[in-house]
Amino acid sequence: MKPADLPPQLHLDGALQGDALLAAVRAIAQGPLAAQAEAIDRVGYYPRAELQQLGAVGAMGVHLDSTAGPADYGVAIRAMAEVSRVCGATGFMLWCQAVCGLYLQQSGNPALMGEVLQRHASGVGLGGTALSNPMKSYAQIEALLLKATPVDGGYLVNGTLPWVSNLGPDHYCGAVAAIAQPEGSAPRELMFLLRCGAPGVEMRECPSFSGMEGTGTYALRLKDHFVGTDNTIADPTRPTIARIRAAFVMLQCGMAVGITQGAIDSMWAVEAQLGHVNQFLEDRPDALQAELDALTARVMRLAETPFDTRTDFFVDVLDARAHGAELCLRAAQSALMHQGARGYLMSSDVQRRVRESHFVAIVTPAIKHLRKEIARLSTEEMPA
C-alpha cells in the first residue's frame, strides 16, 4: 500500500494553532493535570480526561496536515514539553498518541485516514505505538516478536509484545509483524493498526514500574489475530519506516525538554533559601537553562523538515535526542542535589522527575540504541 498522493482531509474543528494552542496546553498542564500528577505516578491513575482535554485544544493533531493548515512539528514538540514539564508520564502518552496519528496519516489507507484519524487527532480515540521491538529489530538489537502468516484476504498474526503504552480496552496501537516468506527471500514486514478489543488480542497487566504507573502499559498477546486491508498501515513496511523514522524520534525530544525544564524550575524554587550553599554544586540552573535553550533551538530547526530522509539529517536527530536524554538525567540529578532532603520525599516532584529522566534515557530508542545507530550510520557515510 502506497501513501496517498492527495492531502488527507483531516478536519480539526475548534483546534487552536501556534501560541494560542501552547497557552491552552499550559493551562491544562498546570491546572487539572498538575492536580493528578502524583496519582498518575504513584497510584496508576490513567489520565484519560486530561489527555482528551489536550486533544480537544489540538495538541494531538497539530503535527498532522489538516484543513486548518500544514503540520507543525515545532509546536507539537513544544506542547509535549509543556505537558512533560508538569508530568513526564502524560508527556510520554502524548508522544504515543502523536506517533500513532503519524502512522495513520502516512498509511495512505482511506479506511484509516477518515473517521479513525479524525477521532484520533481530536483525542476522542486514544492509542499508542508498539514499535519499540521493530525499531530494535531494524537496529539489529533484537528479533521481531510478532509473526504474520498470509491467508485469504490478509494475515494471521501471532506473538507477544511485553510492553505497549497508552492502551486500554477501547484503545489501539501501530504494530509490525514479520511476514512468513519462502526460504531465501528478503525479509518483509506488515505494519498494521492493532485494536485492543479485537478477536485474538489479549491484554495482560505488567509488573509495577518505578515510574510511569499511569501510562496504560500492558503486554499484548496475539493468537491468530486477523489483519485485513482496512487495518493495514504499510505492506511492505520498510519504506514507511524510512520515511517517518526522523519524525518518530524527533517528537520524543519534547519529553526531554519538558522534564529538564521542570527540574530547572525546582532548582530556582529553593534558590532564595539554599542558594548560599547550592552555589557550590555543579550543573547550576542558569547553566542548564542555557544548554536547554540551545538544544531546544536545535530541535526547532530539525522540526522544520521532519520527513527529510537523508542519513546525515537522521544522525542529527538521533544526536539531539541523545543530548536531550543526557541533559534530562543531569538536570534531574542536580535538582535532587539542590533540593536536598525535601527532594528525597516520595511525594516530591523532584523525586518523580529523577525517575522520569531515567525513563527518557531507556525508552526506545534508549541512549545505548541511539549511540549504536549514530556509530553505524556515521560509519556508512564515511568515504571508502
Protein backbone atom coordinates (compact mmCIF):
# COMPACT_ATOMS: atom_id res chain seq x y z
CA MET A 1 0.00 0.00 0.00
CA LYS A 2 1.47 3.36 -1.04
CA PRO A 3 0.86 6.71 0.67
CA ALA A 4 -1.89 8.79 -0.90
CA ASP A 5 -0.86 11.45 -3.41
CA LEU A 6 -3.64 13.77 -2.28
CA PRO A 7 -3.52 15.57 1.08
CA PRO A 8 -5.72 13.94 3.74
CA GLN A 9 -8.97 15.62 4.64
CA LEU A 10 -8.36 15.96 8.37
CA HIS A 11 -10.72 18.45 9.99
CA LEU A 12 -9.72 19.81 13.39
CA ASP A 13 -12.72 21.97 14.16
CA GLY A 14 -12.15 24.17 17.20
CA ALA A 15 -8.46 23.21 17.49
CA LEU A 16 -6.05 26.04 18.24
CA GLN A 17 -2.79 26.86 16.49
CA GLY A 18 0.61 28.23 17.50
CA ASP A 19 0.87 30.35 20.62
CA ALA A 20 -2.84 30.01 21.40
CA LEU A 21 -2.53 26.23 21.41
CA LEU A 22 0.55 26.35 23.65
CA ALA A 23 -1.22 28.66 26.09
CA ALA A 24 -4.19 26.27 26.25
CA VAL A 25 -1.90 23.27 26.77
CA ARG A 26 -0.02 25.12 29.53
CA ALA A 27 -3.29 25.88 31.31
CA ILE A 28 -4.35 22.23 31.21
CA ALA A 29 -0.91 21.02 32.28
CA GLN A 30 -0.56 23.41 35.20
CA GLY A 31 -4.21 23.02 36.26
CA PRO A 32 -6.06 19.70 36.05
CA LEU A 33 -3.00 17.66 35.06
CA ALA A 34 -0.81 19.00 37.89
CA ALA A 35 -3.55 18.05 40.35
CA GLN A 36 -3.31 14.42 39.17
CA ALA A 37 0.46 14.09 38.66
CA GLU A 38 1.11 12.24 41.92
CA ALA A 39 -1.85 9.91 41.35
CA ILE A 40 -0.58 9.13 37.85
CA ASP A 41 2.89 8.35 39.18
CA ARG A 42 2.12 6.61 42.46
CA VAL A 43 -1.40 5.19 42.17
CA GLY A 44 -1.51 4.35 38.47
CA TYR A 45 -4.31 6.76 37.55
CA TYR A 46 -4.70 6.83 33.77
CA PRO A 47 -5.41 10.49 32.82
CA ARG A 48 -7.93 9.86 30.09
CA ALA A 49 -9.90 13.05 30.82
CA GLU A 50 -6.75 15.20 30.84
CA LEU A 51 -5.46 13.61 27.63
CA GLN A 52 -8.78 14.26 25.92
CA GLN A 53 -8.69 17.88 27.06
CA LEU A 54 -5.29 18.16 25.36
CA GLY A 55 -6.75 16.56 22.24
CA ALA A 56 -9.69 18.95 22.21
CA VAL A 57 -7.42 22.02 22.00
CA GLY A 58 -5.35 20.50 19.19
CA ALA A 59 -2.25 19.10 20.91
CA MET A 60 -2.72 15.67 19.31
CA GLY A 61 -3.20 16.85 15.75
CA VAL A 62 -1.00 19.92 15.26
CA HIS A 63 1.77 17.76 13.70
CA LEU A 64 -0.66 16.42 11.09
CA ASP A 65 -1.62 18.10 7.81
CA SER A 66 -5.22 19.27 8.02
CA THR A 67 -7.72 21.70 6.60
CA ALA A 68 -6.64 24.09 9.39
CA GLY A 69 -3.13 24.27 7.96
CA PRO A 70 0.10 22.34 7.39
CA ALA A 71 1.70 20.17 10.03
CA ASP A 72 3.75 21.99 12.67
CA TYR A 73 6.21 19.70 14.41
CA GLY A 74 7.77 22.57 16.31
CA VAL A 75 4.50 23.40 18.07
CA ALA A 76 3.82 19.69 18.67
CA ILE A 77 7.19 19.28 20.41
CA ARG A 78 6.72 22.45 22.46
CA ALA A 79 3.24 21.30 23.51
CA MET A 80 4.68 17.97 24.62
CA ALA A 81 7.34 19.85 26.57
CA GLU A 82 4.68 21.91 28.39
CA VAL A 83 2.95 18.70 29.46
CA SER A 84 6.19 16.89 30.38
CA ARG A 85 7.31 19.87 32.47
CA VAL A 86 4.43 19.01 34.81
CA CYS A 87 4.04 15.24 34.29
CA GLY A 88 6.52 13.19 32.29
CA ALA A 89 4.18 10.20 32.14
CA THR A 90 1.47 12.23 30.40
CA GLY A 91 4.07 13.79 28.11
CA PHE A 92 5.07 10.27 27.11
CA MET A 93 1.44 9.33 26.41
CA LEU A 94 1.07 12.47 24.30
CA TRP A 95 4.07 11.23 22.29
CA CYS A 96 2.44 7.79 21.92
CA GLN A 97 -0.71 9.48 20.64
CA ALA A 98 1.26 11.72 18.28
CA VAL A 99 3.21 8.92 16.59
CA CYS A 100 0.10 6.76 16.28
CA GLY A 101 -1.54 9.67 14.43
CA LEU A 102 1.57 9.86 12.26
CA TYR A 103 1.17 6.19 11.30
CA LEU A 104 -2.49 6.67 10.41
CA GLN A 105 -1.90 9.72 8.22
CA GLN A 106 1.12 8.22 6.48
CA SER A 107 -0.69 4.95 5.77
CA GLY A 108 -2.42 6.19 2.64
CA ASN A 109 -5.26 3.83 3.62
CA PRO A 110 -8.71 5.50 3.24
CA ALA A 111 -10.08 3.23 5.97
CA LEU A 112 -7.61 4.73 8.46
CA MET A 113 -7.44 8.32 7.18
CA GLY A 114 -11.10 9.21 7.55
CA GLU A 115 -13.09 8.97 10.75
CA VAL A 116 -10.38 6.91 12.53
CA LEU A 117 -7.78 9.64 12.03
CA GLN A 118 -10.28 12.39 12.78
CA ARG A 119 -11.24 10.85 16.13
CA HIS A 120 -7.62 10.17 16.97
CA ALA A 121 -6.36 13.68 16.21
CA SER A 122 -9.09 15.23 18.35
CA GLY A 123 -8.43 12.90 21.29
CA VAL A 124 -11.76 11.07 21.07
CA GLY A 125 -9.85 7.93 20.05
CA LEU A 126 -6.73 7.07 22.04
CA GLY A 127 -3.84 4.87 21.00
CA GLY A 128 -0.18 4.09 21.25
CA THR A 129 2.77 2.67 19.44
CA ALA A 130 4.06 -0.88 19.56
CA LEU A 131 7.18 -0.04 17.55
CA SER A 132 9.78 -0.46 20.30
CA ASN A 133 10.51 -4.03 19.23
CA PRO A 134 10.55 -3.25 15.45
CA MET A 135 12.87 -0.27 15.95
CA LYS A 136 15.25 -2.50 17.90
CA SER A 137 14.91 -5.16 15.23
CA TYR A 138 15.86 -2.76 12.44
CA ALA A 139 18.89 -1.76 14.55
CA GLN A 140 19.80 -5.46 14.92
CA ILE A 141 19.30 -5.39 18.69
CA GLU A 142 16.53 -8.00 18.88
CA ALA A 143 14.30 -10.11 16.62
CA LEU A 144 10.72 -9.22 15.68
CA LEU A 145 8.30 -10.72 18.17
CA LEU A 146 5.16 -10.78 16.02
CA LYS A 147 4.83 -13.15 13.06
CA ALA A 148 2.32 -12.76 10.21
CA THR A 149 1.14 -15.68 8.06
CA PRO A 150 -0.57 -14.85 4.74
CA VAL A 151 -4.17 -16.06 4.47
CA ASP A 152 -7.06 -15.26 2.18
CA GLY A 153 -7.78 -11.52 2.45
CA GLY A 154 -4.94 -10.66 4.83
CA TYR A 155 -2.76 -12.16 7.54
CA LEU A 156 -2.97 -14.09 10.80
CA VAL A 157 -0.64 -12.57 13.40
CA ASN A 158 0.79 -14.39 16.42
CA GLY A 159 3.21 -13.41 19.18
CA THR A 160 3.59 -11.36 22.34
CA LEU A 161 4.72 -7.77 22.92
CA PRO A 162 5.86 -7.29 26.55
CA TRP A 163 5.28 -3.52 26.99
CA VAL A 164 3.00 -1.26 24.97
CA SER A 165 1.80 2.07 26.41
CA ASN A 166 -1.25 4.34 26.23
CA LEU A 167 -3.59 1.39 25.94
CA GLY A 168 -6.99 0.38 27.28
CA PRO A 169 -9.78 -1.98 26.21
CA ASP A 170 -11.04 0.50 23.59
CA HIS A 171 -7.57 1.71 22.52
CA TYR A 172 -5.31 0.68 19.64
CA CYS A 173 -1.69 0.92 18.52
CA GLY A 174 0.53 0.67 15.48
CA ALA A 175 2.37 -2.66 15.29
CA VAL A 176 4.75 -4.53 12.99
CA ALA A 177 4.97 -8.26 12.27
CA ALA A 178 7.45 -10.28 10.23
CA ILE A 179 5.70 -11.88 7.26
CA ALA A 180 6.43 -15.55 6.66
CA GLN A 181 8.48 -15.70 3.46
CA PRO A 182 9.81 -18.51 1.27
CA GLU A 183 13.30 -19.62 2.24
CA GLY A 184 15.94 -17.36 0.72
CA SER A 185 13.56 -14.42 0.23
CA ALA A 186 14.33 -10.94 1.53
CA PRO A 187 12.71 -10.04 4.89
CA ARG A 188 9.34 -8.33 4.66
CA GLU A 189 7.09 -6.88 7.36
CA LEU A 190 3.48 -5.84 7.81
CA MET A 191 2.59 -2.66 9.71
CA PHE A 192 -0.99 -2.58 10.99
CA LEU A 193 -3.40 -0.97 13.41
CA LEU A 194 -3.84 -3.34 16.33
CA ARG A 195 -7.14 -2.84 18.15
CA CYS A 196 -7.03 -3.99 21.77
CA GLY A 197 -10.61 -5.25 21.76
CA ALA A 198 -10.33 -7.25 18.52
CA PRO A 199 -10.62 -11.07 18.37
CA GLY A 200 -7.34 -12.83 19.10
CA VAL A 201 -5.92 -9.95 21.19
CA GLU A 202 -5.33 -10.34 24.93
CA MET A 203 -4.14 -7.55 27.24
CA ARG A 204 -2.09 -8.53 30.28
CA GLU A 205 -1.10 -6.41 33.28
CA CYS A 206 2.60 -5.58 33.56
CA PRO A 207 4.69 -5.67 36.75
CA SER A 208 4.89 -2.39 38.70
CA PHE A 209 7.34 0.16 37.34
CA SER A 210 9.49 2.58 39.32
CA GLY A 211 7.69 5.30 37.40
CA MET A 212 5.11 5.59 34.62
CA GLU A 213 2.50 3.56 36.50
CA GLY A 214 -0.35 5.55 34.96
CA THR A 215 0.72 5.18 31.34
CA GLY A 216 -1.70 2.40 30.40
CA THR A 217 1.16 -0.02 29.74
CA TYR A 218 0.25 -3.64 29.02
CA ALA A 219 1.62 -6.79 27.47
CA LEU A 220 -0.24 -7.82 24.32
CA ARG A 221 -0.65 -11.46 23.30
CA LEU A 222 -1.88 -12.16 19.80
CA LYS A 223 -3.25 -15.56 18.79
CA ASP A 224 -4.41 -15.93 15.18
CA HIS A 225 -5.36 -12.26 15.09
CA PHE A 226 -6.63 -11.43 11.61
CA VAL A 227 -5.37 -8.28 9.88
CA GLY A 228 -7.15 -7.27 6.70
CA THR A 229 -6.82 -4.36 4.30
CA ASP A 230 -8.85 -1.97 6.47
CA ASN A 231 -6.25 -2.12 9.25
CA THR A 232 -3.13 -2.18 7.09
CA ILE A 233 -0.78 0.77 7.62
CA ALA A 234 2.04 -0.43 5.35
CA ASP A 235 2.82 -3.57 3.35
CA PRO A 236 5.78 -3.70 2.88
CA THR A 237 6.80 -1.69 5.94
CA ARG A 238 10.40 -0.57 5.46
CA PRO A 239 9.75 2.32 3.04
CA THR A 240 7.25 3.80 5.54
CA ILE A 241 9.66 3.38 8.46
CA ALA A 242 12.42 5.08 6.46
CA ARG A 243 10.07 8.00 5.76
CA ILE A 244 8.82 8.51 9.33
CA ARG A 245 11.79 7.48 11.49
CA ALA A 246 13.16 11.01 11.96
CA ALA A 247 9.73 12.34 12.96
CA PHE A 248 9.24 9.40 15.35
CA VAL A 249 12.50 10.12 17.20
CA MET A 250 12.29 13.91 16.95
CA LEU A 251 8.93 14.08 18.71
CA GLN A 252 10.45 12.39 21.76
CA CYS A 253 12.62 15.46 22.32
CA GLY A 254 9.53 17.14 23.76
CA MET A 255 9.65 14.80 26.75
CA ALA A 256 13.32 15.52 27.46
CA VAL A 257 12.92 19.29 27.07
CA GLY A 258 9.91 19.41 29.37
CA ILE A 259 11.28 17.21 32.17
CA THR A 260 14.57 19.13 32.06
CA GLN A 261 12.70 22.43 32.34
CA GLY A 262 10.71 21.11 35.29
CA ALA A 263 13.95 20.13 37.02
CA ILE A 264 15.40 23.60 36.45
CA ASP A 265 12.21 25.14 37.83
CA SER A 266 12.63 23.16 41.05
CA MET A 267 16.22 24.39 41.42
CA TRP A 268 15.10 28.01 41.22
CA ALA A 269 12.31 27.26 43.71
CA VAL A 270 14.87 26.78 46.51
CA GLU A 271 17.44 29.35 45.39
CA ALA A 272 16.37 32.00 47.91
CA GLN A 273 16.72 29.60 50.83
CA LEU A 274 19.60 27.38 49.69
CA GLY A 275 21.48 29.39 47.07
CA HIS A 276 24.27 30.25 49.51
CA VAL A 277 25.26 26.57 49.66
CA ASN A 278 23.89 25.37 46.29
CA GLN A 279 26.34 27.71 44.54
CA PHE A 280 28.99 25.06 45.16
CA LEU A 281 27.13 22.41 43.15
CA GLU A 282 27.84 21.61 39.52
CA ASP A 283 25.09 21.97 36.89
CA ARG A 284 23.58 25.14 38.27
CA PRO A 285 20.16 26.22 36.90
CA ASP A 286 21.43 29.13 34.80
CA ALA A 287 23.98 26.92 33.03
CA LEU A 288 21.47 24.14 32.49
CA GLN A 289 18.92 26.65 31.14
CA ALA A 290 21.40 27.96 28.60
CA GLU A 291 22.19 24.42 27.45
CA LEU A 292 18.49 23.54 27.29
CA ASP A 293 17.67 26.68 25.30
CA ALA A 294 20.39 25.83 22.78
CA LEU A 295 19.13 22.25 22.46
CA THR A 296 15.54 23.45 22.04
CA ALA A 297 16.58 25.84 19.28
CA ARG A 298 18.41 22.97 17.56
CA VAL A 299 15.35 20.73 17.78
CA MET A 300 13.12 23.50 16.41
CA ARG A 301 15.39 23.76 13.35
CA LEU A 302 15.19 20.00 12.80
CA ALA A 303 11.40 20.16 13.23
CA GLU A 304 11.13 22.34 10.12
CA THR A 305 11.80 19.28 7.90
CA PRO A 306 10.61 16.19 9.84
CA PHE A 307 10.45 13.99 6.73
CA ASP A 308 13.97 14.65 5.49
CA THR A 309 15.24 11.14 4.70
CA ARG A 310 18.94 11.97 4.34
CA THR A 311 21.20 9.89 6.57
CA ASP A 312 23.10 12.90 7.90
CA PHE A 313 19.81 14.53 8.92
CA PHE A 314 18.72 11.42 10.78
CA VAL A 315 22.09 11.29 12.56
CA ASP A 316 21.49 14.90 13.67
CA VAL A 317 18.05 13.91 15.00
CA LEU A 318 19.48 10.92 16.86
CA ASP A 319 22.22 13.11 18.33
CA ALA A 320 19.71 15.74 19.51
CA ARG A 321 17.58 13.02 21.08
CA ALA A 322 20.64 11.57 22.87
CA HIS A 323 21.70 15.02 24.07
CA GLY A 324 18.17 15.57 25.40
CA ALA A 325 18.22 12.31 27.37
CA GLU A 326 21.66 13.02 28.83
CA LEU A 327 20.72 16.59 29.75
CA CYS A 328 17.49 15.33 31.33
CA LEU A 329 19.46 12.92 33.54
CA ARG A 330 21.91 15.62 34.62
CA ALA A 331 19.19 18.18 35.35
CA ALA A 332 17.04 15.78 37.39
CA GLN A 333 20.05 14.62 39.39
CA SER A 334 21.16 18.19 40.01
CA ALA A 335 17.64 19.20 41.05
CA LEU A 336 17.73 16.48 43.70
CA MET A 337 21.05 17.83 44.98
CA HIS A 338 19.71 21.39 45.00
CA GLN A 339 16.56 20.46 46.91
CA GLY A 340 18.33 18.24 49.42
CA ALA A 341 16.21 16.19 51.84
CA ARG A 342 12.92 17.64 50.64
CA GLY A 343 13.68 16.30 47.16
CA TYR A 344 14.12 12.82 48.60
CA LEU A 345 10.49 12.55 49.72
CA MET A 346 8.48 10.13 47.58
CA SER A 347 5.82 12.82 47.23
CA SER A 348 8.35 15.28 45.82
CA ASP A 349 8.14 16.42 42.20
CA VAL A 350 11.93 16.24 42.18
CA GLN A 351 11.95 12.57 43.14
CA ARG A 352 9.41 11.85 40.42
CA ARG A 353 11.48 13.67 37.81
CA VAL A 354 14.56 11.63 38.66
CA ARG A 355 12.59 8.51 37.73
CA GLU A 356 11.07 10.20 34.69
CA SER A 357 14.54 11.15 33.47
CA HIS A 358 15.59 7.51 33.74
CA PHE A 359 12.64 6.61 31.53
CA VAL A 360 13.66 9.16 28.89
CA ALA A 361 17.10 7.54 28.89
CA ILE A 362 15.84 3.96 28.40
CA VAL A 363 12.65 4.28 26.32
CA THR A 364 13.20 3.17 22.72
CA PRO A 365 15.43 4.45 21.29
CA ALA A 366 17.47 4.31 24.52
CA ILE A 367 20.78 6.16 24.85
CA LYS A 368 22.73 2.99 24.02
CA HIS A 369 20.48 2.36 20.99
CA LEU A 370 20.96 5.95 19.82
CA ARG A 371 24.74 5.76 20.15
CA LYS A 372 24.81 2.42 18.31
CA GLU A 373 22.79 3.83 15.42
CA ILE A 374 24.85 7.03 15.26
CA ALA A 375 28.04 4.96 15.08
CA ARG A 376 26.62 2.64 12.41
CA LEU A 377 25.19 5.40 10.22
CA SER A 378 28.28 7.59 10.59
CA THR A 379 30.49 4.68 9.51
CA GLU A 380 28.28 4.06 6.47
CA GLU A 381 28.59 7.72 5.49
CA MET A 382 32.39 7.70 5.73
CA PRO A 383 34.09 7.61 2.29
CA ALA A 384 35.96 4.41 1.46
